[in-house]
Amino acid sequence: MLCLTVVGIPWGLQCFKLAGLVLFPFGRQVVSNQGNTGCLSLLCNIIWLLCGGLYTALVHVVFGLLLTITIIGIPFARQHFKLAEISMMPFGKTIL
């Protein structure tokens, strides 16, 4: 829905990036871009944070903490913590 407007395309692309990581989280790594993204990336991250990024990251942290209770859940908890990192501020990060 975000990709239907020109203004929403950057946020829609970040949603697709997160969706790909949620579907296949194992064996992938989140790294920060070394390029100079400037203040546009910071502004987009702030808008993302206010429109649901903080809530999404909090949910991933809670599920990660719940999964650390069992030994079987620890690998899944690590993936939730990785998702919490990128779901809070996805602009300026790439997935390898």
PDB file of N, CA and C in Angstrom:
ATOM      1  N   MET A   1       0.814  -1.181   0.000  1.00  0.00           N
ATOM      2  CA  MET A   1       0.000   0.000   0.000  1.00  0.00           C
ATOM      3  C   MET A   1       0.868   1.260   0.000  1.00  0.00           C
ATOM      4  N   LEU A   2       2.020   1.179   0.668  1.00  0.00           N
ATOM      5  CA  LEU A   2       2.890   2.350   0.712  1.00  0.00           C
ATOM      6  C   LEU A   2       3.521   2.648  -0.635  1.00  0.00           C
ATOM      7  N   CYS A   3       3.715   1.635  -1.462  1.00  0.00           N
ATOM      8  CA  CYS A   3       4.366   1.840  -2.757  1.00  0.00           C
ATOM      9  C   CYS A   3       3.420   2.416  -3.812  1.00  0.00           C
ATOM     10  N   LEU A   4       2.176   2.667  -3.473  1.00  0.00           N
ATOM     11  CA  LEU A   4       1.252   3.257  -4.431  1.00  0.00           C
ATOM     12  C   LEU A   4       1.488   4.749  -4.621  1.00  0.00           C
ATOM     13  N   THR A   5       2.086   5.407  -3.659  1.00  0.00           N
ATOM     14  CA  THR A   5       2.362   6.831  -3.794  1.00  0.00           C
ATOM     15  C   THR A   5       3.859   7.051  -3.906  1.00  0.00           C
ATOM     16  N   VAL A   6       4.239   8.145  -4.524  1.00  0.00           N
ATOM     17  CA  VAL A   6       5.652   8.464  -4.683  1.00  0.00           C
ATOM     18  C   VAL A   6       6.288   8.746  -3.327  1.00  0.00           C
ATOM     19  N   VAL A   7       5.547   9.379  -2.442  1.00  0.00           N
ATOM     20  CA  VAL A   7       6.068   9.716  -1.123  1.00  0.00           C
ATOM     21  C   VAL A   7       6.281   8.472  -0.271  1.00  0.00           C
ATOM     22  N   GLY A   8       5.449   7.457  -0.437  1.00  0.00           N
ATOM     23  CA  GLY A   8       5.524   6.266   0.395  1.00  0.00           C
ATOM     24  C   GLY A   8       6.481   5.201  -0.093  1.00  0.00           C
ATOM     25  N   ILE A   9       7.067   5.374  -1.275  1.00  0.00           N
ATOM     26  CA  ILE A   9       7.942   4.339  -1.836  1.00  0.00           C
ATOM     27  C   ILE A   9       9.140   4.014  -0.939  1.00  0.00           C
ATOM     28  N   PRO A  10       9.856   4.988  -0.356  1.00  0.00           N
ATOM     29  CA  PRO A  10      10.984   4.603   0.507  1.00  0.00           C
ATOM     30  C   PRO A  10      10.575   3.739   1.693  1.00  0.00           C
ATOM     31  N   TRP A  11       9.443   4.032   2.297  1.00  0.00           N
ATOM     32  CA  TRP A  11       8.973   3.241   3.432  1.00  0.00           C
ATOM     33  C   TRP A  11       8.470   1.874   2.977  1.00  0.00           C
ATOM     34  N   GLY A  12       7.864   1.813   1.805  1.00  0.00           N
ATOM     35  CA  GLY A  12       7.424   0.530   1.260  1.00  0.00           C
ATOM     36  C   GLY A  12       8.588  -0.390   0.950  1.00  0.00           C
ATOM     37  N   LEU A  13       9.676   0.167   0.434  1.00  0.00           N
ATOM     38  CA  LEU A  13      10.861  -0.643   0.158  1.00  0.00           C
ATOM     39  C   LEU A  13      11.477  -1.176   1.448  1.00  0.00           C
ATOM     40  N   GLN A  14      11.440  -0.392   2.504  1.00  0.00           N
ATOM     41  CA  GLN A  14      11.949  -0.878   3.794  1.00  0.00           C
ATOM     42  C   GLN A  14      11.063  -1.994   4.343  1.00  0.00           C
ATOM     43  N   CYS A  15       9.761  -1.895   4.097  1.00  0.00           N
ATOM     44  CA  CYS A  15       8.860  -2.976   4.527  1.00  0.00           C
ATOM     45  C   CYS A  15       9.172  -4.270   3.786  1.00  0.00           C
ATOM     46  N   PHE A  16       9.478  -4.183   2.480  1.00  0.00           N
ATOM     47  CA  PHE A  16       9.854  -5.370   1.723  1.00  0.00           C
ATOM     48  C   PHE A  16      11.176  -5.939   2.223  1.00  0.00           C
ATOM     49  N   LYS A  17      12.109  -5.057   2.596  1.00  0.00           N
ATOM     50  CA  LYS A  17      13.389  -5.517   3.133  1.00  0.00           C
ATOM     51  C   LYS A  17      13.170  -6.271   4.444  1.00  0.00           C
ATOM     52  N   LEU A  18      12.320  -5.751   5.308  1.00  0.00           N
ATOM     53  CA  LEU A  18      12.016  -6.423   6.570  1.00  0.00           C
ATOM     54  C   LEU A  18      11.283  -7.742   6.338  1.00  0.00           C
ATOM     55  N   ALA A  19      10.384  -7.761   5.368  1.00  0.00           N
ATOM     56  CA  ALA A  19       9.629  -8.981   5.086  1.00  0.00           C
ATOM     57  C   ALA A  19      10.551 -10.098   4.615  1.00  0.00           C
ATOM     58  N   GLY A  20      11.540  -9.759   3.793  1.00  0.00           N
ATOM     59  CA  GLY A  20      12.491 -10.766   3.344  1.00  0.00           C
ATOM     60  C   GLY A  20      13.309 -11.324   4.493  1.00  0.00           C
ATOM     61  N   LEU A  21      13.664 -10.462   5.442  1.00  0.00           N
ATOM     62  CA  LEU A  21      14.428 -10.921   6.602  1.00  0.00           C
ATOM     63  C   LEU A  21      13.562 -11.738   7.544  1.00  0.00           C
ATOM     64  N   VAL A  22      12.300 -11.399   7.679  1.00  0.00           N
ATOM     65  CA  VAL A  22      11.395 -12.159   8.551  1.00  0.00           C
ATOM     66  C   VAL A  22      11.157 -13.555   7.980  1.00  0.00           C
ATOM     67  N   LEU A  23      11.041 -13.663   6.644  1.00  0.00           N
ATOM     68  CA  LEU A  23      10.797 -14.971   6.042  1.00  0.00           C
ATOM     69  C   LEU A  23      12.001 -15.894   6.150  1.00  0.00           C
ATOM     70  N   PHE A  24      13.211 -15.350   5.952  1.00  0.00           N
ATOM     71  CA  PHE A  24      14.427 -16.163   5.994  1.00  0.00           C
ATOM     72  C   PHE A  24      15.469 -15.484   6.872  1.00  0.00           C
ATOM     73  N   PRO A  25      15.345 -15.568   8.212  1.00  0.00           N
ATOM     74  CA  PRO A  25      16.263 -14.825   9.079  1.00  0.00           C
ATOM     75  C   PRO A  25      17.602 -15.508   9.326  1.00  0.00           C
ATOM     76  N   PHE A  26      17.658 -16.831   9.191  1.00  0.00           N
ATOM     77  CA  PHE A  26      18.887 -17.542   9.531  1.00  0.00           C
ATOM     78  C   PHE A  26      19.914 -17.404   8.414  1.00  0.00           C
ATOM     79  N   GLY A  27      21.153 -17.150   8.811  1.00  0.00           N
ATOM     80  CA  GLY A  27      22.236 -17.025   7.848  1.00  0.00           C
ATOM     81  C   GLY A  27      22.366 -15.646   7.236  1.00  0.00           C
ATOM     82  N   ARG A  28      21.583 -14.707   7.688  1.00  0.00           N
ATOM     83  CA  ARG A  28      21.659 -13.342   7.179  1.00  0.00           C
ATOM     84  C   ARG A  28      22.197 -12.433   8.263  1.00  0.00           C
ATOM     85  N   GLN A  29      22.773 -11.327   7.829  1.00  0.00           N
ATOM     86  CA  GLN A  29      23.398 -10.391   8.756  1.00  0.00           C
ATOM     87  C   GLN A  29      22.964  -8.985   8.395  1.00  0.00           C
ATOM     88  N   VAL A  30      22.707  -8.158   9.404  1.00  0.00           N
ATOM     89  CA  VAL A  30      22.326  -6.757   9.207  1.00  0.00           C
ATOM     90  C   VAL A  30      23.552  -5.897   9.473  1.00  0.00           C
ATOM     91  N   VAL A  31      23.926  -5.102   8.477  1.00  0.00           N
ATOM     92  CA  VAL A  31      25.080  -4.215   8.620  1.00  0.00           C
ATOM     93  C   VAL A  31      24.674  -2.800   8.239  1.00  0.00           C
ATOM     94  N   SER A  32      25.344  -1.830   8.830  1.00  0.00           N
ATOM     95  CA  SER A  32      25.104  -0.426   8.502  1.00  0.00           C
ATOM     96  C   SER A  32      25.845  -0.070   7.226  1.00  0.00           C
ATOM     97  N   ASN A  33      25.216   0.780   6.425  1.00  0.00           N
ATOM     98  CA  ASN A  33      25.868   1.259   5.205  1.00  0.00           C
ATOM     99  C   ASN A  33      26.998   2.190   5.571  1.00  0.00           C
ATOM    100  N   GLN A  34      28.106   2.052   4.881  1.00  0.00           N
ATOM    101  CA  GLN A  34      29.227   2.943   5.113  1.00  0.00           C
ATOM    102  C   GLN A  34      29.121   4.201   4.261  1.00  0.00           C
ATOM    103  N   GLY A  35      28.177   4.226   3.334  1.00  0.00           N
ATOM    104  CA  GLY A  35      28.002   5.392   2.470  1.00  0.00           C
ATOM    105  C   GLY A  35      27.444   6.577   3.237  1.00  0.00           C
ATOM    106  N   ASN A  36      27.598   7.728   2.672  1.00  0.00           N
ATOM    107  CA  ASN A  36      27.118   8.956   3.289  1.00  0.00           C
ATOM    108  C   ASN A  36      25.654   9.157   2.907  1.00  0.00           C
ATOM    109  N   THR A  37      24.739   8.746   3.788  1.00  0.00           N
ATOM    110  CA  THR A  37      23.312   8.874   3.506  1.00  0.00           C
ATOM    111  C   THR A  37      22.767  10.228   3.925  1.00  0.00           C
ATOM    112  N   GLY A  38      23.472  10.925   4.762  1.00  0.00           N
ATOM    113  CA  GLY A  38      23.076  12.277   5.138  1.00  0.00           C
ATOM    114  C   GLY A  38      21.898  12.331   6.077  1.00  0.00           C
ATOM    115  N   CYS A  39      21.296  13.497   6.105  1.00  0.00           N
ATOM    116  CA  CYS A  39      20.215  13.713   7.062  1.00  0.00           C
ATOM    117  C   CYS A  39      18.885  13.158   6.567  1.00  0.00           C
ATOM    118  N   LEU A  40      18.783  12.815   5.278  1.00  0.00           N
ATOM    119  CA  LEU A  40      17.542  12.248   4.765  1.00  0.00           C
ATOM    120  C   LEU A  40      17.253  10.892   5.399  1.00  0.00           C
ATOM    121  N   SER A  41      18.290  10.087   5.557  1.00  0.00           N
ATOM    122  CA  SER A  41      18.136   8.794   6.216  1.00  0.00           C
ATOM    123  C   SER A  41      17.710   8.968   7.670  1.00  0.00           C
ATOM    124  N   LEU A  42      18.286   9.943   8.346  1.00  0.00           N
ATOM    125  CA  LEU A  42      17.922  10.209   9.742  1.00  0.00           C
ATOM    126  C   LEU A  42      16.473  10.662   9.845  1.00  0.00           C
ATOM    127  N   LEU A  43      16.048  11.529   8.942  1.00  0.00           N
ATOM    128  CA  LEU A  43      14.664  12.007   8.942  1.00  0.00           C
ATOM    129  C   LEU A  43      13.691  10.866   8.674  1.00  0.00           C
ATOM    130  N   CYS A  44      14.014  10.017   7.704  1.00  0.00           N
ATOM    131  CA  CYS A  44      13.150   8.870   7.406  1.00  0.00           C
ATOM    132  C   CYS A  44      13.092   7.891   8.574  1.00  0.00           C
ATOM    133  N   ASN A  45      14.227   7.696   9.264  1.00  0.00           N
ATOM    134  CA  ASN A  45      14.239   6.819  10.439  1.00  0.00           C
ATOM    135  C   ASN A  45      13.391   7.383  11.571  1.00  0.00           C
ATOM    136  N   ILE A  46      13.397   8.686  11.754  1.00  0.00           N
ATOM    137  CA  ILE A  46      12.581   9.302  12.807  1.00  0.00           C
ATOM    138  C   ILE A  46      11.103   9.133  12.493  1.00  0.00           C
ATOM    139  N   ILE A  47      10.723   9.340  11.227  1.00  0.00           N
ATOM    140  CA  ILE A  47       9.324   9.150  10.834  1.00  0.00           C
ATOM    141  C   ILE A  47       8.929   7.686  11.012  1.00  0.00           C
ATOM    142  N   TRP A  48       9.826   6.775  10.618  1.00  0.00           N
ATOM    143  CA  TRP A  48       9.573   5.339  10.789  1.00  0.00           C
ATOM    144  C   TRP A  48       9.392   4.991  12.262  1.00  0.00           C
ATOM    145  N   LEU A  49      10.229   5.558  13.103  1.00  0.00           N
ATOM    146  CA  LEU A  49      10.194   5.282  14.536  1.00  0.00           C
ATOM    147  C   LEU A  49       8.877   5.737  15.151  1.00  0.00           C
ATOM    148  N   LEU A  50       8.409   6.898  14.741  1.00  0.00           N
ATOM    149  CA  LEU A  50       7.168   7.440  15.298  1.00  0.00           C
ATOM    150  C   LEU A  50       5.922   6.734  14.767  1.00  0.00           C
ATOM    151  N   CYS A  51       6.014   6.158  13.583  1.00  0.00           N
ATOM    152  CA  CYS A  51       4.836   5.529  12.968  1.00  0.00           C
ATOM    153  C   CYS A  51       4.762   4.022  13.174  1.00  0.00           C
ATOM    154  N   GLY A  52       5.491   3.488  14.103  1.00  0.00           N
ATOM    155  CA  GLY A  52       5.347   2.077  14.421  1.00  0.00           C
ATOM    156  C   GLY A  52       6.639   1.314  14.582  1.00  0.00           C
ATOM    157  N   GLY A  53       7.765   1.924  14.299  1.00  0.00           N
ATOM    158  CA  GLY A  53       9.031   1.217  14.427  1.00  0.00           C
ATOM    159  C   GLY A  53       9.375   0.877  15.864  1.00  0.00           C
ATOM    160  N   LEU A  54       9.077   1.782  16.772  1.00  0.00           N
ATOM    161  CA  LEU A  54       9.363   1.540  18.188  1.00  0.00           C
ATOM    162  C   LEU A  54       8.506   0.399  18.723  1.00  0.00           C
ATOM    163  N   TYR A  55       7.239   0.389  18.348  1.00  0.00           N
ATOM    164  CA  TYR A  55       6.335  -0.679  18.781  1.00  0.00           C
ATOM    165  C   TYR A  55       6.792  -2.031  18.232  1.00  0.00           C
ATOM    166  N   THR A  56       7.175  -2.071  16.968  1.00  0.00           N
ATOM    167  CA  THR A  56       7.612  -3.323  16.357  1.00  0.00           C
ATOM    168  C   THR A  56       8.890  -3.837  17.013  1.00  0.00           C
ATOM    169  N   ALA A  57       9.825  -2.946  17.281  1.00  0.00           N
ATOM    170  CA  ALA A  57      11.069  -3.354  17.937  1.00  0.00           C
ATOM    171  C   ALA A  57      10.794  -3.868  19.342  1.00  0.00           C
ATOM    172  N   LEU A  58       9.884  -3.219  20.052  1.00  0.00           N
ATOM    173  CA  LEU A  58       9.533  -3.665  21.400  1.00  0.00           C
ATOM    174  C   LEU A  58       8.909  -5.054  21.383  1.00  0.00           C
ATOM    175  N   VAL A  59       8.066  -5.328  20.409  1.00  0.00           N
ATOM    176  CA  VAL A  59       7.449  -6.652  20.294  1.00  0.00           C
ATOM    177  C   VAL A  59       8.512  -7.710  20.031  1.00  0.00           C
ATOM    178  N   HIS A  60       9.490  -7.408  19.162  1.00  0.00           N
ATOM    179  CA  HIS A  60      10.554  -8.372  18.896  1.00  0.00           C
ATOM    180  C   HIS A  60      11.410  -8.616  20.142  1.00  0.00           C
ATOM    181  N   VAL A  61      11.667  -7.586  20.917  1.00  0.00           N
ATOM    182  CA  VAL A  61      12.452  -7.758  22.144  1.00  0.00           C
ATOM    183  C   VAL A  61      11.690  -8.613  23.152  1.00  0.00           C
ATOM    184  N   VAL A  62      10.396  -8.377  23.289  1.00  0.00           N
ATOM    185  CA  VAL A  62       9.590  -9.170  24.236  1.00  0.00           C
ATOM    186  C   VAL A  62       9.568 -10.635  23.817  1.00  0.00           C
ATOM    187  N   PHE A  63       9.330 -10.894  22.528  1.00  0.00           N
ATOM    188  CA  PHE A  63       9.326 -12.286  22.068  1.00  0.00           C
ATOM    189  C   PHE A  63      10.707 -12.909  22.190  1.00  0.00           C
ATOM    190  N   GLY A  64      11.745 -12.132  21.962  1.00  0.00           N
ATOM    191  CA  GLY A  64      13.102 -12.646  22.141  1.00  0.00           C
ATOM    192  C   GLY A  64      13.368 -13.040  23.578  1.00  0.00           C
ATOM    193  N   LEU A  65      12.914 -12.215  24.503  1.00  0.00           N
ATOM    194  CA  LEU A  65      13.099 -12.550  25.924  1.00  0.00           C
ATOM    195  C   LEU A  65      12.294 -13.780  26.321  1.00  0.00           C
ATOM    196  N   LEU A  66      11.092 -13.913  25.780  1.00  0.00           N
ATOM    197  CA  LEU A  66      10.284 -15.096  26.083  1.00  0.00           C
ATOM    198  C   LEU A  66      10.910 -16.363  25.516  1.00  0.00           C
ATOM    199  N   LEU A  67      11.531 -16.260  24.356  1.00  0.00           N
ATOM    200  CA  LEU A  67      12.129 -17.436  23.739  1.00  0.00           C
ATOM    201  C   LEU A  67      13.427 -17.866  24.396  1.00  0.00           C
ATOM    202  N   THR A  68      14.060 -16.972  25.150  1.00  0.00           N
ATOM    203  CA  THR A  68      15.305 -17.356  25.816  1.00  0.00           C
ATOM    204  C   THR A  68      15.063 -18.240  27.042  1.00  0.00           C
ATOM    205  N   ILE A  69      13.821 -18.466  27.390  1.00  0.00           N
ATOM    206  CA  ILE A  69      13.509 -19.299  28.552  1.00  0.00           C
ATOM    207  C   ILE A  69      13.922 -20.746  28.296  1.00  0.00           C
ATOM    208  N   THR A  70      13.743 -21.222  27.068  1.00  0.00           N
ATOM    209  CA  THR A  70      14.090 -22.605  26.753  1.00  0.00           C
ATOM    210  C   THR A  70      15.354 -22.645  25.901  1.00  0.00           C
ATOM    211  N   ILE A  71      16.026 -23.762  25.945  1.00  0.00           N
ATOM    212  CA  ILE A  71      17.248 -23.925  25.155  1.00  0.00           C
ATOM    213  C   ILE A  71      16.916 -23.972  23.663  1.00  0.00           C
ATOM    214  N   ILE A  72      15.819 -24.598  23.310  1.00  0.00           N
ATOM    215  CA  ILE A  72      15.425 -24.699  21.904  1.00  0.00           C
ATOM    216  C   ILE A  72      15.084 -23.320  21.334  1.00  0.00           C
ATOM    217  N   GLY A  73      14.578 -22.416  22.157  1.00  0.00           N
ATOM    218  CA  GLY A  73      14.164 -21.109  21.682  1.00  0.00           C
ATOM    219  C   GLY A  73      15.283 -20.093  21.525  1.00  0.00           C
ATOM    220  N   ILE A  74      16.496 -20.400  22.003  1.00  0.00           N
ATOM    221  CA  ILE A  74      17.585 -19.418  21.962  1.00  0.00           C
ATOM    222  C   ILE A  74      17.961 -18.999  20.541  1.00  0.00           C
ATOM    223  N   PRO A  75      18.074 -19.905  19.561  1.00  0.00           N
ATOM    224  CA  PRO A  75      18.370 -19.432  18.202  1.00  0.00           C
ATOM    225  C   PRO A  75      17.286 -18.522  17.633  1.00  0.00           C
ATOM    226  N   PHE A  76      16.046 -18.820  17.962  1.00  0.00           N
ATOM    227  CA  PHE A  76      14.949 -17.976  17.497  1.00  0.00           C
ATOM    228  C   PHE A  76      14.951 -16.633  18.211  1.00  0.00           C
ATOM    229  N   ALA A  77      15.353 -16.625  19.465  1.00  0.00           N
ATOM    230  CA  ALA A  77      15.454 -15.372  20.213  1.00  0.00           C
ATOM    231  C   ALA A  77      16.531 -14.480  19.614  1.00  0.00           C
ATOM    232  N   ARG A  78      17.635 -15.060  19.192  1.00  0.00           N
ATOM    233  CA  ARG A  78      18.695 -14.277  18.549  1.00  0.00           C
ATOM    234  C   ARG A  78      18.189 -13.623  17.265  1.00  0.00           C
ATOM    235  N   GLN A  79      17.343 -14.335  16.531  1.00  0.00           N
ATOM    236  CA  GLN A  79      16.792 -13.767  15.302  1.00  0.00           C
ATOM    237  C   GLN A  79      15.821 -12.634  15.621  1.00  0.00           C
ATOM    238  N   HIS A  80      15.068 -12.767  16.705  1.00  0.00           N
ATOM    239  CA  HIS A  80      14.163 -11.689  17.113  1.00  0.00           C
ATOM    240  C   HIS A  80      14.946 -10.443  17.519  1.00  0.00           C
ATOM    241  N   PHE A  81      16.071 -10.618  18.187  1.00  0.00           N
ATOM    242  CA  PHE A  81      16.882  -9.464  18.566  1.00  0.00           C
ATOM    243  C   PHE A  81      17.478  -8.792  17.328  1.00  0.00           C
ATOM    244  N   LYS A  82      17.825  -9.597  16.317  1.00  0.00           N
ATOM    245  CA  LYS A  82      18.317  -9.037  15.061  1.00  0.00           C
ATOM    246  C   LYS A  82      17.203  -8.260  14.366  1.00  0.00           C
ATOM    247  N   LEU A  83      15.994  -8.798  14.396  1.00  0.00           N
ATOM    248  CA  LEU A  83      14.857  -8.108  13.790  1.00  0.00           C
ATOM    249  C   LEU A  83      14.502  -6.838  14.559  1.00  0.00           C
ATOM    250  N   ALA A  84      14.705  -6.852  15.865  1.00  0.00           N
ATOM    251  CA  ALA A  84      14.423  -5.643  16.653  1.00  0.00           C
ATOM    252  C   ALA A  84      15.370  -4.523  16.264  1.00  0.00           C
ATOM    253  N   GLU A  85      16.613  -4.869  15.983  1.00  0.00           N
ATOM    254  CA  GLU A  85      17.589  -3.850  15.601  1.00  0.00           C
ATOM    255  C   GLU A  85      17.210  -3.178  14.289  1.00  0.00           C
ATOM    256  N   ILE A  86      16.839  -3.967  13.294  1.00  0.00           N
ATOM    257  CA  ILE A  86      16.543  -3.376  11.999  1.00  0.00           C
ATOM    258  C   ILE A  86      15.131  -2.802  11.939  1.00  0.00           C
ATOM    259  N   SER A  87      14.207  -3.319  12.736  1.00  0.00           N
ATOM    260  CA  SER A  87      12.847  -2.791  12.676  1.00  0.00           C
ATOM    261  C   SER A  87      12.719  -1.447  13.384  1.00  0.00           C
ATOM    262  N   MET A  88      13.682  -1.100  14.210  1.00  0.00           N
ATOM    263  CA  MET A  88      13.629   0.212  14.848  1.00  0.00           C
ATOM    264  C   MET A  88      14.066   1.308  13.877  1.00  0.00           C
ATOM    265  N   MET A  89      15.178   1.095  13.180  1.00  0.00           N
ATOM    266  CA  MET A  89      15.686   2.095  12.240  1.00  0.00           C
ATOM    267  C   MET A  89      16.228   1.394  10.999  1.00  0.00           C
ATOM    268  N   PRO A  90      15.379   1.116  10.000  1.00  0.00           N
ATOM    269  CA  PRO A  90      15.824   0.331   8.840  1.00  0.00           C
ATOM    270  C   PRO A  90      16.589   1.123   7.785  1.00  0.00           C
ATOM    271  N   PHE A  91      16.418   2.424   7.738  1.00  0.00           N
ATOM    272  CA  PHE A  91      17.097   3.211   6.712  1.00  0.00           C
ATOM    273  C   PHE A  91      18.597   3.273   7.024  1.00  0.00           C
ATOM    274  N   GLY A  92      19.414   3.057   6.020  1.00  0.00           N
ATOM    275  CA  GLY A  92      20.854   3.087   6.212  1.00  0.00           C
ATOM    276  C   GLY A  92      21.436   1.744   6.606  1.00  0.00           C
ATOM    277  N   LYS A  93      20.641   0.655   6.504  1.00  0.00           N
ATOM    278  CA  LYS A  93      21.134  -0.682   6.838  1.00  0.00           C
ATOM    279  C   LYS A  93      20.861  -1.604   5.658  1.00  0.00           C
ATOM    280  N   THR A  94      21.765  -2.532   5.477  1.00  0.00           N
ATOM    281  CA  THR A  94      21.595  -3.535   4.427  1.00  0.00           C
ATOM    282  C   THR A  94      21.632  -4.932   5.040  1.00  0.00           C
ATOM    283  N   ILE A  95      21.070  -5.872   4.326  1.00  0.00           N
ATOM    284  CA  ILE A  95      21.013  -7.257   4.763  1.00  0.00           C
ATOM    285  C   ILE A  95      21.920  -8.066   3.863  1.00  0.00           C
ATOM    286  N   LEU A  96      22.866  -8.765   4.456  1.00  0.00           N
ATOM    287  CA  LEU A  96      23.774  -9.619   3.690  1.00  0.00           C
ATOM    288  C   LEU A  96      23.386 -11.071   3.837  1.00  0.00           C
TER     289      LEU A  96
END
